[in-house]
Amino acid sequence: MADSPVRIEIVNLDEFYAKLAKLSDALAERVVVRALTSGAKLIENDAKRTAPYRTGTLRRSIHTEQGDGMEVLIGTDVPYAARLEYGYVGPDSLGRTFHQPARPYLRPAFDNNKDAAIREVGEALADLLEKAVT
């Protein structure tokens, strides 16, 4: 989905690790993925709002999904999504030549919402851990 994953690391949080250690591995993964999804939804919603619009298919296709382990991905499976995000110059599979300028929607959504998403993940982690450990 995304071409350059962004990783958020939690460091020097002894209390966080102590609470996380009390959870089973499966529950800990669910807690972290739910928190990451909470932050990712901010980016997803902004990308949907700013994505180029013709039929609405691209906007409807933007989604958040769990990757491997404790990883969340935001993207789309629409074949032309990368062309719109990055632009395209050259012939297509039918031999038609294009000079299509980039119309980014996903990267700007990330850049504009990164700090808010990180705060959201932190708050969601705190809430979910509190519920899971008490």
Protein backbone atom coordinates (compact mmCIF):
# COMPACT_ATOMS: atom_id res chain seq x y z
CA MET A 1 0.00 0.00 0.00
CA ALA A 2 2.29 2.81 1.20
CA ASP A 3 5.64 3.13 -0.49
CA SER A 4 7.61 4.33 2.54
CA PRO A 5 6.26 3.08 5.87
CA VAL A 6 6.44 5.36 8.85
CA ARG A 7 7.26 3.71 12.13
CA ILE A 8 6.45 5.10 15.56
CA GLU A 9 8.63 3.85 18.38
CA ILE A 10 7.84 4.14 22.06
CA VAL A 11 11.04 4.49 24.05
CA ASN A 12 11.89 4.94 27.74
CA LEU A 13 8.41 4.16 28.95
CA ASP A 14 8.97 1.63 31.73
CA GLU A 15 5.39 1.83 32.98
CA PHE A 16 4.08 1.19 29.45
CA TYR A 17 6.27 -1.90 29.08
CA ALA A 18 5.33 -3.16 32.53
CA LYS A 19 1.61 -2.92 31.74
CA LEU A 20 2.11 -4.40 28.29
CA ALA A 21 4.01 -7.34 29.85
CA LYS A 22 0.92 -8.18 31.91
CA LEU A 23 -1.06 -8.80 28.75
CA SER A 24 -0.90 -11.90 26.64
CA ASP A 25 0.92 -11.46 23.32
CA ALA A 26 -2.32 -11.69 21.34
CA LEU A 27 -4.08 -9.15 23.53
CA ALA A 28 -1.07 -6.81 23.49
CA GLU A 29 -1.03 -6.92 19.69
CA ARG A 30 -4.76 -6.17 19.52
CA VAL A 31 -4.36 -3.22 21.92
CA VAL A 32 -1.49 -1.71 19.91
CA VAL A 33 -3.19 -2.28 16.55
CA ARG A 34 -6.41 -0.68 17.81
CA ALA A 35 -4.45 2.34 19.03
CA LEU A 36 -2.55 2.62 15.74
CA THR A 37 -5.79 2.30 13.80
CA SER A 38 -7.25 5.14 15.84
CA GLY A 39 -4.41 7.43 14.76
CA ALA A 40 -4.42 6.14 11.18
CA LYS A 41 -8.10 7.03 10.78
CA LEU A 42 -7.19 10.74 11.04
CA ILE A 43 -4.87 10.36 8.05
CA GLU A 44 -7.30 8.12 6.15
CA ASN A 45 -10.16 10.59 6.53
CA ASP A 46 -8.05 13.52 5.35
CA ALA A 47 -6.82 11.52 2.35
CA LYS A 48 -10.43 10.69 1.44
CA ARG A 49 -11.36 14.35 1.70
CA THR A 50 -8.49 15.59 -0.49
CA ALA A 51 -8.19 12.74 -3.04
CA PRO A 52 -8.90 13.72 -6.65
CA TYR A 53 -12.56 13.17 -7.40
CA ARG A 54 -14.19 12.07 -10.61
CA THR A 55 -16.39 9.08 -9.80
CA GLY A 56 -15.61 8.69 -6.09
CA THR A 57 -14.05 5.24 -6.51
CA LEU A 58 -10.62 6.36 -5.32
CA ARG A 59 -12.00 8.08 -2.24
CA ARG A 60 -14.16 5.08 -1.34
CA SER A 61 -11.20 2.72 -1.76
CA ILE A 62 -8.89 4.45 0.74
CA HIS A 63 -8.78 2.30 3.86
CA THR A 64 -6.76 1.29 6.91
CA GLU A 65 -5.79 -2.33 7.45
CA GLN A 66 -3.57 -4.35 9.74
CA GLY A 67 -0.22 -5.29 8.26
CA ASP A 68 2.21 -7.81 9.75
CA GLY A 69 2.11 -7.96 13.52
CA MET A 70 1.73 -4.58 15.17
CA GLU A 71 1.56 -2.60 11.94
CA VAL A 72 -1.22 -0.57 10.35
CA LEU A 73 -1.28 0.45 6.67
CA ILE A 74 -3.25 3.21 4.97
CA GLY A 75 -3.78 3.04 1.24
CA THR A 76 -5.87 1.91 -1.67
CA ASP A 77 -6.00 -1.01 -4.08
CA VAL A 78 -7.27 1.06 -7.02
CA PRO A 79 -4.83 0.48 -9.93
CA TYR A 80 -4.58 4.15 -10.91
CA ALA A 81 -4.00 5.46 -7.37
CA ALA A 82 -0.20 5.61 -7.73
CA ARG A 83 -0.53 7.52 -11.02
CA LEU A 84 -2.56 10.18 -9.29
CA GLU A 85 -0.29 10.35 -6.23
CA TYR A 86 3.03 10.46 -8.12
CA GLY A 87 2.10 11.42 -11.69
CA TYR A 88 2.94 9.42 -14.81
CA VAL A 89 4.93 10.10 -17.96
CA GLY A 90 5.20 7.58 -20.78
CA PRO A 91 3.18 5.01 -22.68
CA ASP A 92 0.61 2.81 -20.98
CA SER A 93 -0.04 -0.85 -21.74
CA LEU A 94 -2.17 0.14 -24.76
CA GLY A 95 0.57 2.34 -26.22
CA ARG A 96 -1.09 5.65 -25.37
CA THR A 97 1.36 8.31 -24.23
CA PHE A 98 0.63 10.29 -21.08
CA HIS A 99 2.11 13.26 -19.28
CA GLN A 100 -0.02 13.18 -16.15
CA PRO A 101 1.07 15.56 -13.37
CA ALA A 102 1.05 14.35 -9.77
CA ARG A 103 -2.03 15.06 -7.69
CA PRO A 104 -0.88 13.87 -4.27
CA TYR A 105 -3.49 13.13 -1.65
CA LEU A 106 -2.05 10.43 0.63
CA ARG A 107 1.35 11.92 1.51
CA PRO A 108 -0.08 15.40 2.22
CA ALA A 109 -2.72 13.78 4.43
CA PHE A 110 0.06 12.06 6.38
CA ASP A 111 2.19 15.20 6.61
CA ASN A 112 -0.75 17.34 7.77
CA ASN A 113 -1.98 14.86 10.40
CA LYS A 114 1.18 13.14 11.66
CA ASP A 115 1.41 14.97 14.99
CA ALA A 116 -2.31 14.63 15.72
CA ALA A 117 -2.16 10.92 14.79
CA ILE A 118 0.77 10.35 17.15
CA ARG A 119 -1.14 12.07 19.98
CA GLU A 120 -4.22 10.01 19.16
CA VAL A 121 -2.20 6.77 19.24
CA GLY A 122 -0.73 7.71 22.63
CA GLU A 123 -4.12 8.56 24.09
CA ALA A 124 -5.70 5.42 22.66
CA LEU A 125 -2.85 3.26 24.02
CA ALA A 126 -3.25 4.77 27.45
CA ASP A 127 -7.02 4.20 27.44
CA LEU A 128 -6.81 0.66 26.06
CA LEU A 129 -4.04 -0.36 28.44
CA GLU A 130 -5.91 1.08 31.40
CA LYS A 131 -9.00 -0.98 30.46
CA ALA A 132 -6.96 -4.12 29.75
CA VAL A 133 -4.91 -4.10 32.94
CA THR A 134 -7.49 -2.99 35.49
